[in-house]
Every structure is written in structure tokens, then in C-alpha cells.
Amino acid sequence: MTLIERIPLLNDQELVTLLANARRLDIVGTPAQRRGAAEVLPVLELEASKRRQVALEAATKKRGVTAAARRKAPAVPAEAA
């Protein structure tokens, strides 16, 4: 299994670490490291983008459900002290 094939199987922290390393090697690596980084960077960026989008959609949906629940909740009368 190649590195590119394993990218979707990585957990979020592994993906972030690999992406940071590939970006670093693309800038300061040897010519061979730069070529390798150039191969995997587009795939890493795409996977990271997909995961960000999924997380954003989940958060947006959760906020919508929470807001709807608050609107439906009956108002609690304030007690006089």
C-alpha cells in the first residue's frame, strides 16, 4: 500500500502531522524530498479540506439543532425574591 493510498485511513492528527511535514520538505527538503512532497501534497490538501468541510457541516447542523431546541423550550418565569 502506498502512502497516497493510506492517506484516507489516517486519523486527523496523523494527517495534520504528515501535511505539515510535506509542506516543510517542499520548502527546505532535498530535491528528492521536494519531488516526494510535491506528489503527496495535493492529495493531503484535498483530504484535509474534505475533513474540514465535514467538521464545519456537523458544527453548523449542531448549532441549528441547539438553536431550534432553545426556541421550542418554554420560558421559565423568574421568581420574585
PDB file of N, CA and C in Angstrom:
ATOM      1  N   MET A   1       0.854  -1.174   0.000  1.00  0.00           N
ATOM      2  CA  MET A   1       0.000   0.000   0.000  1.00  0.00           C
ATOM      3  C   MET A   1       0.902   1.239   0.000  1.00  0.00           C
ATOM      4  N   THR A   2       0.643   2.142  -0.909  1.00  0.00           N
ATOM      5  CA  THR A   2       1.455   3.353  -0.994  1.00  0.00           C
ATOM      6  C   THR A   2       0.981   4.382   0.025  1.00  0.00           C
ATOM      7  N   LEU A   3       1.799   5.387   0.227  1.00  0.00           N
ATOM      8  CA  LEU A   3       1.445   6.460   1.155  1.00  0.00           C
ATOM      9  C   LEU A   3       0.157   7.149   0.713  1.00  0.00           C
ATOM     10  N   ILE A   4       0.032   7.396  -0.567  1.00  0.00           N
ATOM     11  CA  ILE A   4      -1.163   8.082  -1.079  1.00  0.00           C
ATOM     12  C   ILE A   4      -2.410   7.243  -0.821  1.00  0.00           C
ATOM     13  N   GLU A   5      -2.300   5.921  -0.930  1.00  0.00           N
ATOM     14  CA  GLU A   5      -3.446   5.052  -0.660  1.00  0.00           C
ATOM     15  C   GLU A   5      -3.798   5.033   0.823  1.00  0.00           C
ATOM     16  N   ARG A   6      -2.816   5.272   1.683  1.00  0.00           N
ATOM     17  CA  ARG A   6      -3.055   5.234   3.131  1.00  0.00           C
ATOM     18  C   ARG A   6      -3.625   6.539   3.673  1.00  0.00           C
ATOM     19  N   ILE A   7      -3.550   7.622   2.946  1.00  0.00           N
ATOM     20  CA  ILE A   7      -3.976   8.940   3.447  1.00  0.00           C
ATOM     21  C   ILE A   7      -5.416   8.936   3.966  1.00  0.00           C
ATOM     22  N   PRO A   8      -6.380   8.373   3.261  1.00  0.00           N
ATOM     23  CA  PRO A   8      -7.753   8.386   3.812  1.00  0.00           C
ATOM     24  C   PRO A   8      -7.900   7.596   5.111  1.00  0.00           C
ATOM     25  N   LEU A   9      -6.962   6.688   5.382  1.00  0.00           N
ATOM     26  CA  LEU A   9      -7.045   5.861   6.583  1.00  0.00           C
ATOM     27  C   LEU A   9      -6.407   6.517   7.804  1.00  0.00           C
ATOM     28  N   LEU A  10      -5.699   7.627   7.605  1.00  0.00           N
ATOM     29  CA  LEU A  10      -5.028   8.306   8.713  1.00  0.00           C
ATOM     30  C   LEU A  10      -6.050   8.981   9.617  1.00  0.00           C
ATOM     31  N   ASN A  11      -5.728   9.051  10.918  1.00  0.00           N
ATOM     32  CA  ASN A  11      -6.599   9.839  11.795  1.00  0.00           C
ATOM     33  C   ASN A  11      -6.256  11.321  11.600  1.00  0.00           C
ATOM     34  N   ASP A  12      -7.034  12.192  12.179  1.00  0.00           N
ATOM     35  CA  ASP A  12      -6.867  13.630  11.945  1.00  0.00           C
ATOM     36  C   ASP A  12      -5.489  14.136  12.352  1.00  0.00           C
ATOM     37  N   GLN A  13      -4.988  13.678  13.499  1.00  0.00           N
ATOM     38  CA  GLN A  13      -3.678  14.143  13.969  1.00  0.00           C
ATOM     39  C   GLN A  13      -2.562  13.661  13.039  1.00  0.00           C
ATOM     40  N   GLU A  14      -2.643  12.437  12.578  1.00  0.00           N
ATOM     41  CA  GLU A  14      -1.639  11.919  11.644  1.00  0.00           C
ATOM     42  C   GLU A  14      -1.666  12.705  10.338  1.00  0.00           C
ATOM     43  N   LEU A  15      -2.860  13.049   9.885  1.00  0.00           N
ATOM     44  CA  LEU A  15      -2.994  13.825   8.651  1.00  0.00           C
ATOM     45  C   LEU A  15      -2.366  15.207   8.809  1.00  0.00           C
ATOM     46  N   VAL A  16      -2.647  15.873   9.920  1.00  0.00           N
ATOM     47  CA  VAL A  16      -2.088  17.203  10.177  1.00  0.00           C
ATOM     48  C   VAL A  16      -0.565  17.143  10.227  1.00  0.00           C
ATOM     49  N   THR A  17      -0.033  16.128  10.900  1.00  0.00           N
ATOM     50  CA  THR A  17       1.419  15.983  11.022  1.00  0.00           C
ATOM     51  C   THR A  17       2.056  15.717   9.661  1.00  0.00           C
ATOM     52  N   LEU A  18       1.478  14.808   8.905  1.00  0.00           N
ATOM     53  CA  LEU A  18       2.023  14.489   7.587  1.00  0.00           C
ATOM     54  C   LEU A  18       1.949  15.692   6.653  1.00  0.00           C
ATOM     55  N   LEU A  19       0.868  16.430   6.716  1.00  0.00           N
ATOM     56  CA  LEU A  19       0.716  17.624   5.886  1.00  0.00           C
ATOM     57  C   LEU A  19       1.760  18.667   6.252  1.00  0.00           C
ATOM     58  N   ALA A  20       1.988  18.883   7.538  1.00  0.00           N
ATOM     59  CA  ALA A  20       2.998  19.853   7.977  1.00  0.00           C
ATOM     60  C   ALA A  20       4.393  19.417   7.517  1.00  0.00           C
ATOM     61  N   ASN A  21       4.686  18.138   7.645  1.00  0.00           N
ATOM     62  CA  ASN A  21       5.993  17.641   7.207  1.00  0.00           C
ATOM     63  C   ASN A  21       6.170  17.774   5.704  1.00  0.00           C
ATOM     64  N   ALA A  22       5.144  17.469   4.936  1.00  0.00           N
ATOM     65  CA  ALA A  22       5.233  17.590   3.481  1.00  0.00           C
ATOM     66  C   ALA A  22       5.426  19.049   3.070  1.00  0.00           C
ATOM     67  N   ARG A  23       4.727  19.953   3.734  1.00  0.00           N
ATOM     68  CA  ARG A  23       4.908  21.382   3.424  1.00  0.00           C
ATOM     69  C   ARG A  23       6.326  21.834   3.743  1.00  0.00           C
ATOM     70  N   ARG A  24       6.858  21.362   4.863  1.00  0.00           N
ATOM     71  CA  ARG A  24       8.225  21.723   5.255  1.00  0.00           C
ATOM     72  C   ARG A  24       9.228  21.177   4.245  1.00  0.00           C
ATOM     73  N   LEU A  25       9.089  19.916   3.875  1.00  0.00           N
ATOM     74  CA  LEU A  25      10.013  19.315   2.916  1.00  0.00           C
ATOM     75  C   LEU A  25       9.915  19.970   1.548  1.00  0.00           C
ATOM     76  N   ASP A  26       8.739  20.440   1.189  1.00  0.00           N
ATOM     77  CA  ASP A  26       8.563  21.125  -0.096  1.00  0.00           C
ATOM     78  C   ASP A  26       9.369  22.419  -0.142  1.00  0.00           C
ATOM     79  N   ILE A  27       9.640  22.988   1.019  1.00  0.00           N
ATOM     80  CA  ILE A  27      10.382  24.249   1.085  1.00  0.00           C
ATOM     81  C   ILE A  27      11.872  24.014   1.323  1.00  0.00           C
ATOM     82  N   VAL A  28      12.208  23.160   2.288  1.00  0.00           N
ATOM     83  CA  VAL A  28      13.620  23.035   2.690  1.00  0.00           C
ATOM     84  C   VAL A  28      14.215  21.651   2.432  1.00  0.00           C
ATOM     85  N   GLY A  29      13.502  20.768   1.771  1.00  0.00           N
ATOM     86  CA  GLY A  29      13.999  19.418   1.551  1.00  0.00           C
ATOM     87  C   GLY A  29      14.988  19.335   0.411  1.00  0.00           C
ATOM     88  N   THR A  30      15.607  18.184   0.304  1.00  0.00           N
ATOM     89  CA  THR A  30      16.492  17.913  -0.828  1.00  0.00           C
ATOM     90  C   THR A  30      15.628  17.823  -2.081  1.00  0.00           C
ATOM     91  N   PRO A  31      16.244  17.839  -3.257  1.00  0.00           N
ATOM     92  CA  PRO A  31      15.429  17.715  -4.479  1.00  0.00           C
ATOM     93  C   PRO A  31      14.545  16.459  -4.491  1.00  0.00           C
ATOM     94  N   ALA A  32      15.045  15.338  -3.998  1.00  0.00           N
ATOM     95  CA  ALA A  32      14.226  14.121  -3.951  1.00  0.00           C
ATOM     96  C   ALA A  32      13.069  14.280  -2.969  1.00  0.00           C
ATOM     97  N   GLN A  33      13.333  14.908  -1.821  1.00  0.00           N
ATOM     98  CA  GLN A  33      12.269  15.131  -0.838  1.00  0.00           C
ATOM     99  C   GLN A  33      11.222  16.095  -1.382  1.00  0.00           C
ATOM    100  N   ARG A  34      11.670  17.094  -2.119  1.00  0.00           N
ATOM    101  CA  ARG A  34      10.723  18.050  -2.713  1.00  0.00           C
ATOM    102  C   ARG A  34       9.833  17.371  -3.738  1.00  0.00           C
ATOM    103  N   ARG A  35      10.405  16.479  -4.540  1.00  0.00           N
ATOM    104  CA  ARG A  35       9.592  15.746  -5.526  1.00  0.00           C
ATOM    105  C   ARG A  35       8.564  14.865  -4.809  1.00  0.00           C
ATOM    106  N   GLY A  36       9.000  14.186  -3.756  1.00  0.00           N
ATOM    107  CA  GLY A  36       8.073  13.353  -2.996  1.00  0.00           C
ATOM    108  C   GLY A  36       6.962  14.164  -2.354  1.00  0.00           C
ATOM    109  N   ALA A  37       7.328  15.301  -1.794  1.00  0.00           N
ATOM    110  CA  ALA A  37       6.330  16.173  -1.169  1.00  0.00           C
ATOM    111  C   ALA A  37       5.356  16.706  -2.220  1.00  0.00           C
ATOM    112  N   ALA A  38       5.879  17.049  -3.388  1.00  0.00           N
ATOM    113  CA  ALA A  38       5.016  17.560  -4.456  1.00  0.00           C
ATOM    114  C   ALA A  38       4.010  16.506  -4.909  1.00  0.00           C
ATOM    115  N   GLU A  39       4.376  15.224  -4.805  1.00  0.00           N
ATOM    116  CA  GLU A  39       3.455  14.141  -5.165  1.00  0.00           C
ATOM    117  C   GLU A  39       2.306  14.017  -4.187  1.00  0.00           C
ATOM    118  N   VAL A  40       2.608  14.099  -2.892  1.00  0.00           N
ATOM    119  CA  VAL A  40       1.572  13.839  -1.889  1.00  0.00           C
ATOM    120  C   VAL A  40       0.826  15.085  -1.429  1.00  0.00           C
ATOM    121  N   LEU A  41       1.400  16.259  -1.608  1.00  0.00           N
ATOM    122  CA  LEU A  41       0.745  17.485  -1.111  1.00  0.00           C
ATOM    123  C   LEU A  41      -0.670  17.685  -1.665  1.00  0.00           C
ATOM    124  N   PRO A  42      -0.905  17.537  -2.958  1.00  0.00           N
ATOM    125  CA  PRO A  42      -2.286  17.744  -3.433  1.00  0.00           C
ATOM    126  C   PRO A  42      -3.287  16.777  -2.800  1.00  0.00           C
ATOM    127  N   VAL A  43      -2.878  15.534  -2.616  1.00  0.00           N
ATOM    128  CA  VAL A  43      -3.774  14.544  -2.014  1.00  0.00           C
ATOM    129  C   VAL A  43      -4.011  14.871  -0.539  1.00  0.00           C
ATOM    130  N   LEU A  44      -2.942  15.269   0.166  1.00  0.00           N
ATOM    131  CA  LEU A  44      -3.077  15.643   1.576  1.00  0.00           C
ATOM    132  C   LEU A  44      -3.974  16.863   1.732  1.00  0.00           C
ATOM    133  N   GLU A  45      -3.762  17.870   0.901  1.00  0.00           N
ATOM    134  CA  GLU A  45      -4.581  19.089   0.961  1.00  0.00           C
ATOM    135  C   GLU A  45      -6.054  18.770   0.696  1.00  0.00           C
ATOM    136  N   LEU A  46      -6.310  17.909  -0.276  1.00  0.00           N
ATOM    137  CA  LEU A  46      -7.688  17.543  -0.596  1.00  0.00           C
ATOM    138  C   LEU A  46      -8.347  16.819   0.573  1.00  0.00           C
ATOM    139  N   GLU A  47      -7.636  15.870   1.168  1.00  0.00           N
ATOM    140  CA  GLU A  47      -8.193  15.128   2.303  1.00  0.00           C
ATOM    141  C   GLU A  47      -8.437  16.046   3.495  1.00  0.00           C
ATOM    142  N   ALA A  48      -7.485  16.943   3.774  1.00  0.00           N
ATOM    143  CA  ALA A  48      -7.659  17.886   4.884  1.00  0.00           C
ATOM    144  C   ALA A  48      -8.859  18.799   4.623  1.00  0.00           C
ATOM    145  N   SER A  49      -9.017  19.223   3.387  1.00  0.00           N
ATOM    146  CA  SER A  49     -10.139  20.087   3.027  1.00  0.00           C
ATOM    147  C   SER A  49     -11.470  19.359   3.206  1.00  0.00           C
ATOM    148  N   LYS A  50     -11.529  18.100   2.794  1.00  0.00           N
ATOM    149  CA  LYS A  50     -12.755  17.316   2.965  1.00  0.00           C
ATOM    150  C   LYS A  50     -13.115  17.189   4.443  1.00  0.00           C
ATOM    151  N   ARG A  51     -12.110  16.910   5.259  1.00  0.00           N
ATOM    152  CA  ARG A  51     -12.372  16.733   6.693  1.00  0.00           C
ATOM    153  C   ARG A  51     -12.811  18.038   7.348  1.00  0.00           C
ATOM    154  N   ARG A  52     -12.213  19.161   6.933  1.00  0.00           N
ATOM    155  CA  ARG A  52     -12.644  20.459   7.467  1.00  0.00           C
ATOM    156  C   ARG A  52     -14.095  20.724   7.091  1.00  0.00           C
ATOM    157  N   GLN A  53     -14.462  20.403   5.849  1.00  0.00           N
ATOM    158  CA  GLN A  53     -15.828  20.633   5.384  1.00  0.00           C
ATOM    159  C   GLN A  53     -16.824  19.786   6.175  1.00  0.00           C
ATOM    160  N   VAL A  54     -16.492  18.527   6.405  1.00  0.00           N
ATOM    161  CA  VAL A  54     -17.372  17.643   7.173  1.00  0.00           C
ATOM    162  C   VAL A  54     -17.539  18.175   8.594  1.00  0.00           C
ATOM    163  N   ALA A  55     -16.436  18.603   9.214  1.00  0.00           N
ATOM    164  CA  ALA A  55     -16.497  19.138  10.578  1.00  0.00           C
ATOM    165  C   ALA A  55     -17.324  20.418  10.617  1.00  0.00           C
ATOM    166  N   LEU A  56     -17.161  21.278   9.623  1.00  0.00           N
ATOM    167  CA  LEU A  56     -17.926  22.521   9.558  1.00  0.00           C
ATOM    168  C   LEU A  56     -19.417  22.243   9.397  1.00  0.00           C
ATOM    169  N   GLU A  57     -19.758  21.298   8.525  1.00  0.00           N
ATOM    170  CA  GLU A  57     -21.167  20.964   8.331  1.00  0.00           C
ATOM    171  C   GLU A  57     -21.780  20.366   9.597  1.00  0.00           C
ATOM    172  N   ALA A  58     -21.017  19.531  10.289  1.00  0.00           N
ATOM    173  CA  ALA A  58     -21.521  18.938  11.529  1.00  0.00           C
ATOM    174  C   ALA A  58     -21.743  20.015  12.587  1.00  0.00           C
ATOM    175  N   ALA A  59     -20.812  20.952  12.694  1.00  0.00           N
ATOM    176  CA  ALA A  59     -20.951  22.026  13.674  1.00  0.00           C
ATOM    177  C   ALA A  59     -22.139  22.918  13.329  1.00  0.00           C
ATOM    178  N   THR A  60     -22.322  23.210  12.059  1.00  0.00           N
ATOM    179  CA  THR A  60     -23.441  24.044  11.630  1.00  0.00           C
ATOM    180  C   THR A  60     -24.766  23.349  11.930  1.00  0.00           C
ATOM    181  N   LYS A  61     -24.818  22.057  11.654  1.00  0.00           N
ATOM    182  CA  LYS A  61     -26.043  21.298  11.930  1.00  0.00           C
ATOM    183  C   LYS A  61     -26.319  21.262  13.434  1.00  0.00           C
ATOM    184  N   LYS A  62     -25.290  21.056  14.224  1.00  0.00           N
ATOM    185  CA  LYS A  62     -25.458  21.007  15.678  1.00  0.00           C
ATOM    186  C   LYS A  62     -25.957  22.354  16.205  1.00  0.00           C
ATOM    187  N   ARG A  63     -25.382  23.455  15.695  1.00  0.00           N
ATOM    188  CA  ARG A  63     -25.839  24.782  16.131  1.00  0.00           C
ATOM    189  C   ARG A  63     -27.298  24.993  15.759  1.00  0.00           C
ATOM    190  N   GLY A  64     -27.693  24.524  14.587  1.00  0.00           N
ATOM    191  CA  GLY A  64     -29.082  24.672  14.160  1.00  0.00           C
ATOM    192  C   GLY A  64     -30.031  23.899  15.045  1.00  0.00           C
ATOM    193  N   VAL A  65     -29.660  22.681  15.416  1.00  0.00           N
ATOM    194  CA  VAL A  65     -30.498  21.860  16.290  1.00  0.00           C
ATOM    195  C   VAL A  65     -30.579  22.485  17.670  1.00  0.00           C
ATOM    196  N   THR A  66     -29.460  22.969  18.183  1.00  0.00           N
ATOM    197  CA  THR A  66     -29.443  23.601  19.507  1.00  0.00           C
ATOM    198  C   THR A  66     -30.302  24.863  19.511  1.00  0.00           C
ATOM    199  N   ALA A  67     -30.198  25.658  18.475  1.00  0.00           N
ATOM    200  CA  ALA A  67     -30.986  26.895  18.408  1.00  0.00           C
ATOM    201  C   ALA A  67     -32.478  26.572  18.310  1.00  0.00           C
ATOM    202  N   ALA A  68     -32.817  25.559  17.540  1.00  0.00           N
ATOM    203  CA  ALA A  68     -34.223  25.181  17.406  1.00  0.00           C
ATOM    204  C   ALA A  68     -34.766  24.677  18.745  1.00  0.00           C
ATOM    205  N   ALA A  69     -33.968  23.938  19.481  1.00  0.00           N
ATOM    206  CA  ALA A  69     -34.407  23.433  20.785  1.00  0.00           C
ATOM    207  C   ALA A  69     -34.627  24.584  21.758  1.00  0.00           C
ATOM    208  N   ARG A  70     -33.765  25.594  21.688  1.00  0.00           N
ATOM    209  CA  ARG A  70     -33.945  26.749  22.573  1.00  0.00           C
ATOM    210  C   ARG A  70     -35.218  27.503  22.236  1.00  0.00           C
ATOM    211  N   ARG A  71     -35.538  27.608  20.957  1.00  0.00           N
ATOM    212  CA  ARG A  71     -36.752  28.333  20.561  1.00  0.00           C
ATOM    213  C   ARG A  71     -38.004  27.587  21.009  1.00  0.00           C
ATOM    214  N   LYS A  72     -37.948  26.254  21.024  1.00  0.00           N
ATOM    215  CA  LYS A  72     -39.101  25.461  21.403  1.00  0.00           C
ATOM    216  C   LYS A  72     -39.263  25.338  22.923  1.00  0.00           C
ATOM    217  N   ALA A  73     -38.201  25.557  23.680  1.00  0.00           N
ATOM    218  CA  ALA A  73     -38.257  25.402  25.137  1.00  0.00           C
ATOM    219  C   ALA A  73     -39.163  26.479  25.721  1.00  0.00           C
ATOM    220  N   PRO A  74     -40.038  26.102  26.667  1.00  0.00           N
ATOM    221  CA  PRO A  74     -40.919  27.114  27.278  1.00  0.00           C
ATOM    222  C   PRO A  74     -40.099  28.072  28.148  1.00  0.00           C
ATOM    223  N   ALA A  75     -40.548  29.272  28.188  1.00  0.00           N
ATOM    224  CA  ALA A  75     -39.886  30.284  29.010  1.00  0.00           C
ATOM    225  C   ALA A  75     -40.109  29.970  30.477  1.00  0.00           C
ATOM    226  N   VAL A  76     -39.074  30.052  31.256  1.00  0.00           N
ATOM    227  CA  VAL A  76     -39.161  29.800  32.705  1.00  0.00           C
ATOM    228  C   VAL A  76     -39.433  31.126  33.372  1.00  0.00           C
ATOM    229  N   PRO A  77     -40.550  31.232  34.123  1.00  0.00           N
ATOM    230  CA  PRO A  77     -40.849  32.515  34.769  1.00  0.00           C
ATOM    231  C   PRO A  77     -39.815  32.797  35.879  1.00  0.00           C
ATOM    232  N   ALA A  78     -39.452  34.040  35.982  1.00  0.00           N
ATOM    233  CA  ALA A  78     -38.494  34.453  37.015  1.00  0.00           C
ATOM    234  C   ALA A  78     -39.208  34.504  38.349  1.00  0.00           C
ATOM    235  N   GLU A  79     -38.552  34.002  39.383  1.00  0.00           N
ATOM    236  CA  GLU A  79     -39.126  34.025  40.727  1.00  0.00           C
ATOM    237  C   GLU A  79     -38.864  35.387  41.365  1.00  0.00           C
ATOM    238  N   ALA A  80     -39.841  35.879  42.078  1.00  0.00           N
ATOM    239  CA  ALA A  80     -39.666  37.152  42.780  1.00  0.00           C
ATOM    240  C   ALA A  80     -38.930  36.880  44.066  1.00  0.00           C
ATOM    241  N   ALA A  81     -37.954  37.682  44.354  1.00  0.00           N
ATOM    242  CA  ALA A  81     -37.171  37.478  45.578  1.00  0.00           C
ATOM    243  C   ALA A  81     -37.722  38.228  46.738  1.00  0.00           C
TER     244      ALA A  81
END
